[in-house]
Amino acid sequence: MTSETDPAAALADGVGGFVDGFAAEDDAIAGARARAGELGCLPVSPATGAALSLLATTVQARAVVEIGTGTGVSGLHLLRGMAGDGILTTIDWEPEFHRAARRVFTSAGYPSGRVRTITGRALDVLSRLTSGGYDLVFADATLVEYPGYFAQGVQLLRPGGVIVFHNVLADGRIGDHAQRDPGLLALRDVARAMRDDERLRPAVLPLGGGLLAGAVVAEPV
């Protein structure tokens, strides 16, 4: 009896393994991943983390907002792409996540002045931040709140700044319009809003759970 393998699935597994394997991670991130498993939160993939670091480097980020701290995996990647004097503002509703992340950042050599942790509901916190004062906004939190993160997050960015949403592919369900749970509807709303917003140049990056990114243009056309 011969075994059968789906060529497309095998190709996807091989590509995914190469992409994640290419993005080498150190002991600090490995420790943050282990702690995420203990606390029951899902960190970004290695490839997604590498993309975040690349984006932060590309925009020469000095001020970044992260929505969804977790245990600091994505935060470490962002910090490593930011300027040496850059400050990461990271928001989460769970104090235990912030405690874990602060230990991770400290162990990785980042002084407390490089990271500002804010515990609370992101939609409440974002409204208090400085409009036009940030280089990058990264959202990896409650899917049904993504449209609100988008509306408020774009206002925080300077021209040339980038807004990024994680998990937009929803395990491959994003294109199945027979599925209409609130999280998927919110993802589709954000995708349409970003695609149609003349202030932005958007793209979907099929890394990890999928990244939806948009850069603010200097002048809308």
C-alpha atoms as a PDB file:
ATOM      1  CA  MET A   1       0.000   0.000   0.000  1.00  0.00           C
ATOM      2  CA  THR A   2       1.495   3.341  -1.025  1.00  0.00           C
ATOM      3  CA  SER A   3       1.049   6.554   0.904  1.00  0.00           C
ATOM      4  CA  GLU A   4      -0.280   9.621  -0.833  1.00  0.00           C
ATOM      5  CA  THR A   5       0.915  13.147  -0.175  1.00  0.00           C
ATOM      6  CA  ASP A   6      -0.844  16.323  -1.180  1.00  0.00           C
ATOM      7  CA  PRO A   7       1.833  18.142  -3.253  1.00  0.00           C
ATOM      8  CA  ALA A   8       0.413  21.574  -2.447  1.00  0.00           C
ATOM      9  CA  ALA A   9       0.376  20.842   1.291  1.00  0.00           C
ATOM     10  CA  ALA A  10       3.877  19.418   1.158  1.00  0.00           C
ATOM     11  CA  LEU A  11       5.108  22.514  -0.693  1.00  0.00           C
ATOM     12  CA  ALA A  12       3.424  24.820   1.818  1.00  0.00           C
ATOM     13  CA  ASP A  13       4.945  22.911   4.745  1.00  0.00           C
ATOM     14  CA  GLY A  14       8.378  23.013   3.131  1.00  0.00           C
ATOM     15  CA  VAL A  15       8.194  26.720   2.371  1.00  0.00           C
ATOM     16  CA  GLY A  16       6.862  27.533   5.832  1.00  0.00           C
ATOM     17  CA  GLY A  17       9.614  25.511   7.463  1.00  0.00           C
ATOM     18  CA  PHE A  18      12.295  27.264   5.430  1.00  0.00           C
ATOM     19  CA  VAL A  19      10.896  30.744   6.086  1.00  0.00           C
ATOM     20  CA  ASP A  20      10.639  30.227   9.840  1.00  0.00           C
ATOM     21  CA  GLY A  21      13.988  28.425   9.975  1.00  0.00           C
ATOM     22  CA  PHE A  22      15.673  31.269   8.124  1.00  0.00           C
ATOM     23  CA  ALA A  23      14.623  33.702  10.867  1.00  0.00           C
ATOM     24  CA  ALA A  24      17.059  32.633  13.588  1.00  0.00           C
ATOM     25  CA  GLU A  25      16.036  33.519  17.138  1.00  0.00           C
ATOM     26  CA  ASP A  26      18.188  33.696  20.262  1.00  0.00           C
ATOM     27  CA  ASP A  27      17.779  32.491  23.839  1.00  0.00           C
ATOM     28  CA  ALA A  28      15.892  35.609  24.962  1.00  0.00           C
ATOM     29  CA  ILE A  29      13.144  35.048  22.387  1.00  0.00           C
ATOM     30  CA  ALA A  30      13.135  31.310  23.057  1.00  0.00           C
ATOM     31  CA  GLY A  31      12.541  32.072  26.733  1.00  0.00           C
ATOM     32  CA  ALA A  32       9.719  34.447  25.876  1.00  0.00           C
ATOM     33  CA  ARG A  33       8.135  31.752  23.699  1.00  0.00           C
ATOM     34  CA  ALA A  34       8.354  29.222  26.508  1.00  0.00           C
ATOM     35  CA  ARG A  35       6.690  31.638  28.912  1.00  0.00           C
ATOM     36  CA  ALA A  36       3.949  32.299  26.346  1.00  0.00           C
ATOM     37  CA  GLY A  37       3.178  28.593  26.341  1.00  0.00           C
ATOM     38  CA  GLU A  38       2.916  28.594  30.120  1.00  0.00           C
ATOM     39  CA  LEU A  39       0.555  31.580  30.160  1.00  0.00           C
ATOM     40  CA  GLY A  40      -1.557  30.415  27.235  1.00  0.00           C
ATOM     41  CA  CYS A  41      -0.874  33.189  24.748  1.00  0.00           C
ATOM     42  CA  LEU A  42       0.183  32.640  21.145  1.00  0.00           C
ATOM     43  CA  PRO A  43       3.289  34.581  20.034  1.00  0.00           C
ATOM     44  CA  VAL A  44       4.124  35.625  16.487  1.00  0.00           C
ATOM     45  CA  SER A  45       6.054  33.159  14.335  1.00  0.00           C
ATOM     46  CA  PRO A  46       9.804  33.603  13.788  1.00  0.00           C
ATOM     47  CA  ALA A  47       9.176  34.801  10.225  1.00  0.00           C
ATOM     48  CA  THR A  48       6.581  37.300  11.415  1.00  0.00           C
ATOM     49  CA  GLY A  49       8.981  38.564  14.061  1.00  0.00           C
ATOM     50  CA  ALA A  50      11.696  39.024  11.464  1.00  0.00           C
ATOM     51  CA  ALA A  51       9.270  40.991   9.274  1.00  0.00           C
ATOM     52  CA  LEU A  52       8.401  43.280  12.184  1.00  0.00           C
ATOM     53  CA  SER A  53      12.075  43.923  12.844  1.00  0.00           C
ATOM     54  CA  LEU A  54      12.605  44.639   9.151  1.00  0.00           C
ATOM     55  CA  LEU A  55       9.713  47.109   9.055  1.00  0.00           C
ATOM     56  CA  ALA A  56      10.924  48.883  12.194  1.00  0.00           C
ATOM     57  CA  THR A  57      14.392  49.180  10.678  1.00  0.00           C
ATOM     58  CA  THR A  58      13.056  50.367   7.327  1.00  0.00           C
ATOM     59  CA  VAL A  59      11.074  53.253   8.830  1.00  0.00           C
ATOM     60  CA  GLN A  60      13.914  54.020  11.301  1.00  0.00           C
ATOM     61  CA  ALA A  61      11.385  53.717  14.089  1.00  0.00           C
ATOM     62  CA  ARG A  62      11.900  55.705  17.259  1.00  0.00           C
ATOM     63  CA  ALA A  63       8.334  55.470  18.534  1.00  0.00           C
ATOM     64  CA  VAL A  64       6.299  52.263  18.166  1.00  0.00           C
ATOM     65  CA  VAL A  65       2.900  51.242  19.538  1.00  0.00           C
ATOM     66  CA  GLU A  66       2.224  47.547  20.094  1.00  0.00           C
ATOM     67  CA  ILE A  67      -1.328  46.387  20.804  1.00  0.00           C
ATOM     68  CA  GLY A  68      -1.084  43.024  22.537  1.00  0.00           C
ATOM     69  CA  THR A  69       2.107  42.612  24.567  1.00  0.00           C
ATOM     70  CA  GLY A  70       1.929  38.886  25.263  1.00  0.00           C
ATOM     71  CA  THR A  71       5.197  37.779  26.833  1.00  0.00           C
ATOM     72  CA  GLY A  72       7.387  40.044  24.735  1.00  0.00           C
ATOM     73  CA  VAL A  73       8.201  37.980  21.637  1.00  0.00           C
ATOM     74  CA  SER A  74       6.968  40.551  19.111  1.00  0.00           C
ATOM     75  CA  GLY A  75       8.213  43.371  21.341  1.00  0.00           C
ATOM     76  CA  LEU A  76      11.765  42.021  21.250  1.00  0.00           C
ATOM     77  CA  HIS A  77      11.653  41.810  17.468  1.00  0.00           C
ATOM     78  CA  LEU A  78      10.369  45.376  17.240  1.00  0.00           C
ATOM     79  CA  LEU A  79      13.002  46.702  19.656  1.00  0.00           C
ATOM     80  CA  ARG A  80      15.775  45.053  17.669  1.00  0.00           C
ATOM     81  CA  GLY A  81      14.671  46.883  14.545  1.00  0.00           C
ATOM     82  CA  MET A  82      14.187  50.252  16.212  1.00  0.00           C
ATOM     83  CA  ALA A  83      16.686  53.063  16.617  1.00  0.00           C
ATOM     84  CA  GLY A  84      18.928  52.821  19.659  1.00  0.00           C
ATOM     85  CA  ASP A  85      16.997  55.554  21.455  1.00  0.00           C
ATOM     86  CA  GLY A  86      13.571  54.322  20.331  1.00  0.00           C
ATOM     87  CA  ILE A  87      10.731  53.729  22.771  1.00  0.00           C
ATOM     88  CA  LEU A  88       8.234  50.881  22.504  1.00  0.00           C
ATOM     89  CA  THR A  89       4.784  51.577  23.952  1.00  0.00           C
ATOM     90  CA  THR A  90       3.086  48.226  24.461  1.00  0.00           C
ATOM     91  CA  ILE A  91      -0.527  47.795  25.553  1.00  0.00           C
ATOM     92  CA  ASP A  92      -2.224  44.764  27.093  1.00  0.00           C
ATOM     93  CA  TRP A  93      -5.191  44.160  29.375  1.00  0.00           C
ATOM     94  CA  GLU A  94      -3.411  41.375  31.301  1.00  0.00           C
ATOM     95  CA  PRO A  95      -0.955  42.501  34.035  1.00  0.00           C
ATOM     96  CA  GLU A  96       0.713  39.080  34.145  1.00  0.00           C
ATOM     97  CA  PHE A  97       1.687  39.422  30.500  1.00  0.00           C
ATOM     98  CA  HIS A  98       3.319  42.755  31.232  1.00  0.00           C
ATOM     99  CA  ARG A  99       5.246  41.322  34.170  1.00  0.00           C
ATOM    100  CA  ALA A 100       6.523  38.482  31.999  1.00  0.00           C
ATOM    101  CA  ALA A 101       7.410  40.829  29.118  1.00  0.00           C
ATOM    102  CA  ARG A 102       9.292  43.264  31.353  1.00  0.00           C
ATOM    103  CA  ARG A 103      11.449  40.408  32.642  1.00  0.00           C
ATOM    104  CA  VAL A 104      12.133  39.356  29.055  1.00  0.00           C
ATOM    105  CA  PHE A 105      13.101  42.865  27.953  1.00  0.00           C
ATOM    106  CA  THR A 106      15.386  43.318  30.958  1.00  0.00           C
ATOM    107  CA  SER A 107      17.084  39.961  30.422  1.00  0.00           C
ATOM    108  CA  ALA A 108      17.664  40.899  26.784  1.00  0.00           C
ATOM    109  CA  GLY A 109      19.509  44.049  27.892  1.00  0.00           C
ATOM    110  CA  TYR A 110      16.879  46.728  27.268  1.00  0.00           C
ATOM    111  CA  PRO A 111      16.663  49.353  30.026  1.00  0.00           C
ATOM    112  CA  SER A 112      13.264  50.211  31.457  1.00  0.00           C
ATOM    113  CA  GLY A 113      13.338  53.584  29.687  1.00  0.00           C
ATOM    114  CA  ARG A 114      13.136  51.863  26.283  1.00  0.00           C
ATOM    115  CA  VAL A 115       9.752  50.261  27.017  1.00  0.00           C
ATOM    116  CA  ARG A 116       6.519  51.803  28.262  1.00  0.00           C
ATOM    117  CA  THR A 117       3.927  49.205  29.321  1.00  0.00           C
ATOM    118  CA  ILE A 118       0.311  50.352  29.631  1.00  0.00           C
ATOM    119  CA  THR A 119      -2.253  48.012  31.160  1.00  0.00           C
ATOM    120  CA  GLY A 120      -5.766  48.585  29.899  1.00  0.00           C
ATOM    121  CA  ARG A 121      -8.183  48.258  27.015  1.00  0.00           C
ATOM    122  CA  ALA A 122      -6.371  49.235  23.839  1.00  0.00           C
ATOM    123  CA  LEU A 123      -9.209  51.314  22.406  1.00  0.00           C
ATOM    124  CA  ASP A 124      -9.196  53.450  25.534  1.00  0.00           C
ATOM    125  CA  VAL A 125      -5.411  53.807  25.584  1.00  0.00           C
ATOM    126  CA  LEU A 126      -4.965  54.639  21.894  1.00  0.00           C
ATOM    127  CA  SER A 127      -7.227  57.659  22.159  1.00  0.00           C
ATOM    128  CA  ARG A 128      -4.828  59.174  24.710  1.00  0.00           C
ATOM    129  CA  LEU A 129      -1.667  58.823  22.602  1.00  0.00           C
ATOM    130  CA  THR A 130      -0.178  61.620  20.497  1.00  0.00           C
ATOM    131  CA  SER A 131      -1.593  61.960  16.967  1.00  0.00           C
ATOM    132  CA  GLY A 132       1.134  61.831  14.323  1.00  0.00           C
ATOM    133  CA  GLY A 133       3.730  60.920  16.929  1.00  0.00           C
ATOM    134  CA  TYR A 134       4.549  57.322  15.968  1.00  0.00           C
ATOM    135  CA  ASP A 135       6.463  55.490  13.268  1.00  0.00           C
ATOM    136  CA  LEU A 136       4.830  52.071  13.506  1.00  0.00           C
ATOM    137  CA  VAL A 137       1.686  50.553  15.021  1.00  0.00           C
ATOM    138  CA  PHE A 138       1.418  46.778  15.395  1.00  0.00           C
ATOM    139  CA  ALA A 139      -1.861  45.111  16.408  1.00  0.00           C
ATOM    140  CA  ASP A 140      -2.056  41.515  17.625  1.00  0.00           C
ATOM    141  CA  ALA A 141      -5.016  41.448  19.968  1.00  0.00           C
ATOM    142  CA  THR A 142      -8.810  41.094  19.924  1.00  0.00           C
ATOM    143  CA  LEU A 143      -9.934  40.577  16.325  1.00  0.00           C
ATOM    144  CA  VAL A 144     -13.351  42.173  16.732  1.00  0.00           C
ATOM    145  CA  GLU A 145     -11.621  45.388  17.835  1.00  0.00           C
ATOM    146  CA  TYR A 146      -9.369  45.576  14.765  1.00  0.00           C
ATOM    147  CA  PRO A 147     -11.562  48.168  12.999  1.00  0.00           C
ATOM    148  CA  GLY A 148     -11.221  50.422  16.046  1.00  0.00           C
ATOM    149  CA  TYR A 149      -7.472  49.853  16.176  1.00  0.00           C
ATOM    150  CA  PHE A 150      -7.302  50.827  12.516  1.00  0.00           C
ATOM    151  CA  ALA A 151      -9.317  54.034  12.911  1.00  0.00           C
ATOM    152  CA  GLN A 152      -7.272  55.180  15.879  1.00  0.00           C
ATOM    153  CA  GLY A 153      -3.939  53.693  14.844  1.00  0.00           C
ATOM    154  CA  VAL A 154      -3.686  55.495  11.498  1.00  0.00           C
ATOM    155  CA  GLN A 155      -4.166  58.799  13.302  1.00  0.00           C
ATOM    156  CA  LEU A 156      -1.095  58.066  15.417  1.00  0.00           C
ATOM    157  CA  LEU A 157       1.262  57.681  12.447  1.00  0.00           C
ATOM    158  CA  ARG A 158       3.539  60.237  10.846  1.00  0.00           C
ATOM    159  CA  PRO A 159       3.840  60.319   7.018  1.00  0.00           C
ATOM    160  CA  GLY A 160       5.810  57.243   6.025  1.00  0.00           C
ATOM    161  CA  GLY A 161       4.713  55.387   9.148  1.00  0.00           C
ATOM    162  CA  VAL A 162       3.346  51.838   8.956  1.00  0.00           C
ATOM    163  CA  ILE A 163       0.351  50.116  10.561  1.00  0.00           C
ATOM    164  CA  VAL A 164       0.386  46.306  10.755  1.00  0.00           C
ATOM    165  CA  PHE A 165      -2.290  43.775  11.746  1.00  0.00           C
ATOM    166  CA  HIS A 166      -1.469  40.179  12.685  1.00  0.00           C
ATOM    167  CA  ASN A 167      -3.478  36.982  12.056  1.00  0.00           C
ATOM    168  CA  VAL A 168      -5.425  38.441   9.133  1.00  0.00           C
ATOM    169  CA  LEU A 169      -5.513  35.136   7.234  1.00  0.00           C
ATOM    170  CA  ALA A 170      -7.464  33.512  10.095  1.00  0.00           C
ATOM    171  CA  ASP A 171      -6.016  30.045   9.472  1.00  0.00           C
ATOM    172  CA  GLY A 172      -7.066  30.248   5.830  1.00  0.00           C
ATOM    173  CA  ARG A 173     -10.685  31.182   6.570  1.00  0.00           C
ATOM    174  CA  ILE A 174     -10.449  34.817   5.516  1.00  0.00           C
ATOM    175  CA  GLY A 175     -11.495  34.035   1.934  1.00  0.00           C
ATOM    176  CA  ASP A 176     -14.375  31.702   2.885  1.00  0.00           C
ATOM    177  CA  HIS A 177     -17.337  34.079   2.846  1.00  0.00           C
ATOM    178  CA  ALA A 178     -19.663  31.348   4.074  1.00  0.00           C
ATOM    179  CA  GLN A 179     -18.000  31.867   7.447  1.00  0.00           C
ATOM    180  CA  ARG A 180     -19.213  35.014   9.123  1.00  0.00           C
ATOM    181  CA  ASP A 181     -18.167  34.962  12.757  1.00  0.00           C
ATOM    182  CA  PRO A 182     -17.529  38.397  14.320  1.00  0.00           C
ATOM    183  CA  GLY A 183     -13.743  38.112  14.178  1.00  0.00           C
ATOM    184  CA  LEU A 184     -13.727  37.293  10.467  1.00  0.00           C
ATOM    185  CA  LEU A 185     -16.164  40.084   9.682  1.00  0.00           C
ATOM    186  CA  ALA A 186     -13.911  42.516  11.541  1.00  0.00           C
ATOM    187  CA  LEU A 187     -10.851  41.316   9.597  1.00  0.00           C
ATOM    188  CA  ARG A 188     -12.660  41.787   6.302  1.00  0.00           C
ATOM    189  CA  ASP A 189     -13.775  45.255   7.351  1.00  0.00           C
ATOM    190  CA  VAL A 190     -10.178  46.255   8.139  1.00  0.00           C
ATOM    191  CA  ALA A 191      -8.890  44.787   4.879  1.00  0.00           C
ATOM    192  CA  ARG A 192     -11.462  46.775   2.880  1.00  0.00           C
ATOM    193  CA  ALA A 193     -10.831  49.938   4.865  1.00  0.00           C
ATOM    194  CA  MET A 194      -7.080  49.733   4.365  1.00  0.00           C
ATOM    195  CA  ARG A 195      -7.380  48.895   0.670  1.00  0.00           C
ATOM    196  CA  ASP A 196      -9.733  51.813   0.040  1.00  0.00           C
ATOM    197  CA  ASP A 197      -7.953  54.401   2.201  1.00  0.00           C
ATOM    198  CA  GLU A 198      -6.132  56.877  -0.056  1.00  0.00           C
ATOM    199  CA  ARG A 199      -3.767  57.742   2.795  1.00  0.00           C
ATOM    200  CA  LEU A 200      -2.219  54.263   2.678  1.00  0.00           C
ATOM    201  CA  ARG A 201      -0.241  51.916   0.457  1.00  0.00           C
ATOM    202  CA  PRO A 202      -1.379  48.461   1.660  1.00  0.00           C
ATOM    203  CA  ALA A 203      -0.214  44.880   1.185  1.00  0.00           C
ATOM    204  CA  VAL A 204      -0.894  41.430   2.642  1.00  0.00           C
ATOM    205  CA  LEU A 205       2.217  39.499   3.678  1.00  0.00           C
ATOM    206  CA  PRO A 206       1.536  35.733   3.964  1.00  0.00           C
ATOM    207  CA  LEU A 207       3.862  35.131   6.920  1.00  0.00           C
ATOM    208  CA  GLY A 208       2.779  33.214  10.014  1.00  0.00           C
ATOM    209  CA  GLY A 209      -0.858  34.049  10.632  1.00  0.00           C
ATOM    210  CA  GLY A 210      -0.701  36.714   7.929  1.00  0.00           C
ATOM    211  CA  LEU A 211       0.199  40.399   8.128  1.00  0.00           C
ATOM    212  CA  LEU A 212      -1.890  43.220   6.705  1.00  0.00           C
ATOM    213  CA  ALA A 213       0.342  46.288   6.418  1.00  0.00           C
ATOM    214  CA  GLY A 214      -0.169  49.818   5.171  1.00  0.00           C
ATOM    215  CA  ALA A 215       2.255  52.732   4.877  1.00  0.00           C
ATOM    216  CA  VAL A 216       1.041  56.318   5.199  1.00  0.00           C
ATOM    217  CA  VAL A 217       1.811  58.336   2.079  1.00  0.00           C
ATOM    218  CA  ALA A 218       2.990  61.938   2.378  1.00  0.00           C
ATOM    219  CA  GLU A 219       0.053  63.308   0.400  1.00  0.00           C
ATOM    220  CA  PRO A 220      -3.128  61.403  -0.593  1.00  0.00           C
ATOM    221  CA  VAL A 221      -3.770  61.152  -4.331  1.00  0.00           C
END
